[in-house]
N, C-alpha and C. Protein backbone atom coordinates (compact mmCIF):
# COMPACT_ATOMS: atom_id res chain seq x y z
N MET A 1 -11.00 -19.00 7.44
CA MET A 1 -9.60 -19.36 7.60
C MET A 1 -9.32 -19.58 9.08
N ASN A 2 -8.63 -20.66 9.40
CA ASN A 2 -8.26 -20.87 10.79
C ASN A 2 -6.90 -20.23 11.09
N ILE A 3 -6.53 -20.24 12.34
CA ILE A 3 -5.30 -19.55 12.75
C ILE A 3 -4.07 -20.20 12.12
N LYS A 4 -4.06 -21.53 12.05
CA LYS A 4 -2.91 -22.22 11.46
C LYS A 4 -2.71 -21.78 10.01
N ASN A 5 -3.80 -21.69 9.26
CA ASN A 5 -3.71 -21.23 7.88
C ASN A 5 -3.26 -19.77 7.81
N ALA A 6 -3.74 -18.95 8.74
CA ALA A 6 -3.33 -17.55 8.77
C ALA A 6 -1.83 -17.43 9.05
N GLN A 7 -1.32 -18.26 9.97
CA GLN A 7 0.12 -18.24 10.24
C GLN A 7 0.90 -18.59 8.98
N GLN A 8 0.42 -19.59 8.24
CA GLN A 8 1.11 -20.00 7.01
C GLN A 8 1.02 -18.90 5.96
N GLU A 9 -0.13 -18.25 5.86
CA GLU A 9 -0.29 -17.17 4.88
C GLU A 9 0.66 -16.01 5.18
N VAL A 10 0.81 -15.67 6.45
CA VAL A 10 1.75 -14.60 6.83
C VAL A 10 3.17 -15.03 6.51
N ASP A 11 3.52 -16.27 6.81
CA ASP A 11 4.87 -16.76 6.52
C ASP A 11 5.14 -16.72 5.02
N ASN A 12 4.16 -17.13 4.23
CA ASN A 12 4.31 -17.06 2.77
C ASN A 12 4.50 -15.62 2.31
N TRP A 13 3.74 -14.71 2.88
CA TRP A 13 3.85 -13.30 2.50
C TRP A 13 5.24 -12.77 2.81
N ILE A 14 5.74 -13.11 4.00
CA ILE A 14 7.08 -12.66 4.40
C ILE A 14 8.11 -13.18 3.39
N LYS A 15 7.98 -14.44 3.02
CA LYS A 15 8.94 -15.05 2.09
C LYS A 15 8.83 -14.47 0.68
N GLU A 16 7.63 -14.11 0.25
CA GLU A 16 7.42 -13.61 -1.11
C GLU A 16 7.61 -12.10 -1.24
N HIS A 17 7.22 -11.34 -0.22
CA HIS A 17 7.21 -9.88 -0.33
C HIS A 17 8.15 -9.18 0.64
N GLY A 18 8.46 -9.82 1.71
CA GLY A 18 9.36 -9.23 2.69
C GLY A 18 10.76 -9.76 2.47
N VAL A 19 11.70 -9.17 3.11
CA VAL A 19 13.07 -9.68 3.04
C VAL A 19 13.24 -10.78 4.08
N ARG A 20 12.73 -10.52 5.28
CA ARG A 20 12.76 -11.46 6.40
C ARG A 20 11.84 -10.90 7.48
N TYR A 21 11.63 -11.69 8.52
CA TYR A 21 10.89 -11.17 9.67
C TYR A 21 11.75 -10.12 10.36
N PHE A 22 11.12 -9.06 10.87
CA PHE A 22 11.83 -8.18 11.79
C PHE A 22 12.15 -9.02 13.02
N ASN A 23 13.18 -8.64 13.77
CA ASN A 23 13.47 -9.42 14.97
C ASN A 23 12.33 -9.28 15.98
N GLU A 24 12.34 -10.15 16.96
CA GLU A 24 11.24 -10.22 17.92
C GLU A 24 11.03 -8.91 18.67
N LEU A 25 12.09 -8.24 19.04
CA LEU A 25 11.94 -6.97 19.76
C LEU A 25 11.33 -5.89 18.87
N THR A 26 11.74 -5.87 17.62
CA THR A 26 11.16 -4.91 16.68
C THR A 26 9.68 -5.21 16.48
N ASN A 27 9.34 -6.48 16.34
CA ASN A 27 7.93 -6.83 16.17
C ASN A 27 7.12 -6.54 17.43
N MET A 28 7.73 -6.67 18.59
CA MET A 28 7.02 -6.32 19.83
C MET A 28 6.74 -4.82 19.84
N ALA A 29 7.69 -4.02 19.40
CA ALA A 29 7.48 -2.57 19.30
C ALA A 29 6.39 -2.27 18.27
N GLN A 30 6.42 -2.99 17.13
CA GLN A 30 5.38 -2.82 16.11
C GLN A 30 4.00 -3.14 16.68
N LEU A 31 3.93 -4.23 17.45
CA LEU A 31 2.66 -4.64 18.05
C LEU A 31 2.15 -3.56 18.99
N THR A 32 3.03 -3.01 19.79
CA THR A 32 2.65 -1.94 20.72
C THR A 32 2.12 -0.74 19.95
N GLU A 33 2.78 -0.40 18.87
CA GLU A 33 2.35 0.73 18.04
C GLU A 33 0.96 0.47 17.45
N GLU A 34 0.75 -0.74 16.93
CA GLU A 34 -0.55 -1.07 16.32
C GLU A 34 -1.66 -1.09 17.36
N VAL A 35 -1.39 -1.63 18.54
CA VAL A 35 -2.40 -1.63 19.61
C VAL A 35 -2.71 -0.20 20.03
N GLY A 36 -1.71 0.66 20.01
CA GLY A 36 -1.93 2.07 20.31
C GLY A 36 -2.87 2.73 19.31
N GLU A 37 -2.75 2.35 18.04
CA GLU A 37 -3.64 2.90 17.02
C GLU A 37 -5.07 2.42 17.24
N VAL A 38 -5.23 1.17 17.63
CA VAL A 38 -6.57 0.65 17.95
C VAL A 38 -7.12 1.40 19.16
N ALA A 39 -6.30 1.58 20.17
CA ALA A 39 -6.73 2.29 21.38
C ALA A 39 -7.16 3.72 21.07
N ARG A 40 -6.44 4.37 20.21
CA ARG A 40 -6.79 5.75 19.84
C ARG A 40 -8.18 5.82 19.20
N ILE A 41 -8.45 4.90 18.27
CA ILE A 41 -9.76 4.89 17.62
C ILE A 41 -10.86 4.59 18.64
N ILE A 42 -10.66 3.58 19.46
CA ILE A 42 -11.67 3.19 20.45
C ILE A 42 -11.92 4.33 21.43
N ALA A 43 -10.85 4.95 21.93
CA ALA A 43 -10.98 6.03 22.92
C ALA A 43 -11.75 7.21 22.37
N ARG A 44 -11.53 7.50 21.11
CA ARG A 44 -12.16 8.69 20.52
C ARG A 44 -13.53 8.40 19.92
N ARG A 45 -13.69 7.22 19.35
CA ARG A 45 -14.96 6.90 18.69
C ARG A 45 -16.00 6.38 19.66
N TYR A 46 -15.55 5.62 20.66
CA TYR A 46 -16.49 4.99 21.59
C TYR A 46 -16.33 5.47 23.02
N GLY A 47 -15.24 6.14 23.30
CA GLY A 47 -14.99 6.65 24.65
C GLY A 47 -15.38 8.10 24.77
N GLU A 48 -14.85 8.75 25.76
CA GLU A 48 -15.25 10.11 26.08
C GLU A 48 -14.40 11.18 25.41
N GLN A 49 -13.29 10.78 24.78
CA GLN A 49 -12.47 11.76 24.10
C GLN A 49 -13.13 12.15 22.77
N SER A 50 -12.94 13.38 22.36
CA SER A 50 -13.49 13.80 21.08
C SER A 50 -12.61 13.27 19.95
N GLU A 51 -13.25 12.96 18.85
CA GLU A 51 -12.54 12.42 17.70
C GLU A 51 -12.10 13.55 16.79
N LYS A 52 -10.82 13.60 16.51
CA LYS A 52 -10.30 14.62 15.61
C LYS A 52 -10.77 14.33 14.20
N GLU A 53 -10.91 15.36 13.41
CA GLU A 53 -11.34 15.21 12.03
C GLU A 53 -10.43 14.25 11.28
N SER A 54 -9.13 14.32 11.56
CA SER A 54 -8.17 13.47 10.86
C SER A 54 -8.29 11.99 11.24
N ASP A 55 -8.96 11.70 12.37
CA ASP A 55 -9.13 10.32 12.82
C ASP A 55 -10.43 9.69 12.34
N LYS A 56 -11.35 10.49 11.83
CA LYS A 56 -12.68 9.98 11.50
C LYS A 56 -12.69 8.97 10.36
N ASN A 57 -11.69 9.01 9.51
CA ASN A 57 -11.62 8.07 8.40
C ASN A 57 -10.79 6.83 8.71
N LYS A 58 -10.27 6.74 9.92
CA LYS A 58 -9.46 5.58 10.30
C LYS A 58 -10.35 4.35 10.37
N ASP A 59 -9.87 3.25 9.85
CA ASP A 59 -10.63 2.01 9.78
C ASP A 59 -10.22 1.10 10.94
N LEU A 60 -11.14 0.91 11.89
CA LEU A 60 -10.85 0.07 13.05
C LEU A 60 -10.50 -1.35 12.62
N GLY A 61 -11.24 -1.89 11.66
CA GLY A 61 -10.96 -3.24 11.18
C GLY A 61 -9.55 -3.39 10.63
N GLU A 62 -9.12 -2.38 9.89
CA GLU A 62 -7.77 -2.41 9.32
C GLU A 62 -6.71 -2.39 10.43
N GLU A 63 -6.96 -1.58 11.44
CA GLU A 63 -6.00 -1.49 12.55
C GLU A 63 -5.99 -2.79 13.37
N LEU A 64 -7.15 -3.40 13.57
CA LEU A 64 -7.20 -4.69 14.27
C LEU A 64 -6.47 -5.76 13.45
N ALA A 65 -6.62 -5.71 12.13
CA ALA A 65 -5.92 -6.66 11.26
C ALA A 65 -4.41 -6.47 11.35
N ASP A 66 -3.96 -5.22 11.50
CA ASP A 66 -2.52 -4.97 11.70
C ASP A 66 -2.03 -5.66 12.97
N VAL A 67 -2.82 -5.59 14.03
CA VAL A 67 -2.47 -6.25 15.29
C VAL A 67 -2.36 -7.76 15.08
N VAL A 68 -3.35 -8.33 14.41
CA VAL A 68 -3.35 -9.77 14.16
C VAL A 68 -2.13 -10.17 13.32
N PHE A 69 -1.82 -9.39 12.29
CA PHE A 69 -0.66 -9.69 11.44
C PHE A 69 0.62 -9.77 12.26
N VAL A 70 0.84 -8.79 13.12
CA VAL A 70 2.08 -8.77 13.90
C VAL A 70 2.09 -9.91 14.93
N VAL A 71 0.94 -10.22 15.52
CA VAL A 71 0.86 -11.36 16.45
C VAL A 71 1.21 -12.65 15.71
N LEU A 72 0.71 -12.80 14.50
CA LEU A 72 1.03 -14.00 13.71
C LEU A 72 2.52 -14.04 13.37
N CYS A 73 3.11 -12.90 13.07
CA CYS A 73 4.56 -12.85 12.84
C CYS A 73 5.32 -13.32 14.08
N LEU A 74 4.95 -12.79 15.24
CA LEU A 74 5.62 -13.17 16.48
C LEU A 74 5.46 -14.67 16.76
N ALA A 75 4.27 -15.20 16.51
CA ALA A 75 4.05 -16.63 16.71
C ALA A 75 4.94 -17.45 15.77
N ASN A 76 4.99 -17.05 14.51
CA ASN A 76 5.82 -17.77 13.54
C ASN A 76 7.29 -17.77 13.93
N GLN A 77 7.80 -16.62 14.27
CA GLN A 77 9.23 -16.53 14.50
C GLN A 77 9.66 -17.09 15.85
N THR A 78 8.72 -17.33 16.75
CA THR A 78 9.06 -17.93 18.05
C THR A 78 8.62 -19.38 18.14
N GLY A 79 8.09 -19.92 17.04
CA GLY A 79 7.73 -21.33 17.00
C GLY A 79 6.44 -21.69 17.74
N VAL A 80 5.56 -20.72 17.91
CA VAL A 80 4.31 -20.96 18.62
C VAL A 80 3.24 -21.40 17.62
N ASP A 81 2.60 -22.53 17.91
CA ASP A 81 1.43 -22.96 17.14
C ASP A 81 0.24 -22.24 17.77
N LEU A 82 -0.11 -21.11 17.19
CA LEU A 82 -1.14 -20.25 17.78
C LEU A 82 -2.51 -20.92 17.76
N GLN A 83 -2.78 -21.77 16.77
CA GLN A 83 -4.05 -22.50 16.74
C GLN A 83 -4.17 -23.40 17.97
N ALA A 84 -3.11 -24.15 18.24
CA ALA A 84 -3.12 -25.05 19.40
C ALA A 84 -3.21 -24.25 20.70
N ALA A 85 -2.48 -23.16 20.78
CA ALA A 85 -2.50 -22.32 21.99
C ALA A 85 -3.88 -21.71 22.20
N PHE A 86 -4.51 -21.26 21.12
CA PHE A 86 -5.84 -20.66 21.21
C PHE A 86 -6.88 -21.71 21.61
N ASP A 87 -6.80 -22.88 21.00
CA ASP A 87 -7.74 -23.96 21.34
C ASP A 87 -7.60 -24.34 22.81
N LYS A 88 -6.37 -24.43 23.29
CA LYS A 88 -6.12 -24.76 24.69
C LYS A 88 -6.69 -23.66 25.60
N LYS A 89 -6.49 -22.40 25.22
CA LYS A 89 -6.98 -21.28 26.02
C LYS A 89 -8.51 -21.28 26.08
N MET A 90 -9.16 -21.54 24.93
CA MET A 90 -10.62 -21.56 24.91
C MET A 90 -11.17 -22.69 25.77
N ASP A 91 -10.51 -23.84 25.74
CA ASP A 91 -10.93 -24.96 26.59
C ASP A 91 -10.79 -24.59 28.06
N LEU A 92 -9.66 -24.00 28.42
CA LEU A 92 -9.43 -23.57 29.81
C LEU A 92 -10.47 -22.55 30.24
N LYS A 93 -10.68 -21.53 29.42
CA LYS A 93 -11.66 -20.50 29.78
C LYS A 93 -13.07 -21.08 29.89
N SER A 94 -13.41 -22.01 29.02
CA SER A 94 -14.74 -22.62 29.05
C SER A 94 -14.96 -23.41 30.33
N ARG A 95 -13.93 -24.13 30.77
CA ARG A 95 -14.07 -24.89 32.01
C ARG A 95 -14.00 -23.99 33.24
N ARG A 96 -13.02 -23.09 33.27
CA ARG A 96 -12.79 -22.25 34.44
C ARG A 96 -13.88 -21.19 34.61
N ASP A 97 -14.31 -20.62 33.52
CA ASP A 97 -15.22 -19.47 33.59
C ASP A 97 -16.65 -19.81 33.21
N HIS A 98 -16.98 -21.11 33.20
CA HIS A 98 -18.31 -21.52 32.76
C HIS A 98 -19.44 -20.74 33.45
N ASP A 99 -19.37 -20.64 34.76
CA ASP A 99 -20.42 -19.94 35.52
C ASP A 99 -19.96 -18.60 36.06
N ARG A 100 -18.68 -18.33 35.95
CA ARG A 100 -18.10 -17.14 36.58
C ARG A 100 -18.82 -15.85 36.20
N HIS A 101 -19.01 -15.62 34.94
CA HIS A 101 -19.60 -14.36 34.49
C HIS A 101 -21.11 -14.32 34.72
N HIS A 102 -21.75 -15.48 34.66
CA HIS A 102 -23.18 -15.53 34.94
C HIS A 102 -23.47 -15.19 36.39
N ASN A 103 -22.52 -15.47 37.26
CA ASN A 103 -22.70 -15.22 38.69
C ASN A 103 -22.15 -13.86 39.12
N ASN A 104 -21.66 -13.08 38.20
CA ASN A 104 -21.09 -11.77 38.52
C ASN A 104 -22.22 -10.73 38.54
N GLN A 105 -22.52 -10.25 39.71
CA GLN A 105 -23.59 -9.28 39.87
C GLN A 105 -23.34 -7.98 39.12
N LYS A 106 -22.09 -7.65 38.89
CA LYS A 106 -21.75 -6.42 38.16
C LYS A 106 -22.18 -6.49 36.69
N LEU A 107 -22.38 -7.69 36.18
CA LEU A 107 -22.73 -7.85 34.77
C LEU A 107 -24.23 -7.99 34.55
N LYS A 108 -25.01 -7.93 35.60
CA LYS A 108 -26.47 -8.10 35.46
C LYS A 108 -27.15 -6.79 35.26
């Protein structure tokens, strides 16, 4: 599935199962909350913090999908074609950063 299709699928879900989109500020708060949940898993599972027993069953993929869902909501409600924006960003990064990381001594 491409991003454009994902945006449409989220919009269809909102129309069929939701009442409406939360406003942009509420969705921004939701996004922050979801990113925090991803950060908690990463910090404890892959970082130096110990993982609590209650966190061991948390699904990183599910939490990342929550982040993507809210990002797609924000794109839909603000009129952003996220596929076009992503394609443009990848083109920019490919041209700008083509040799940048290969020449970074810290990454060798």
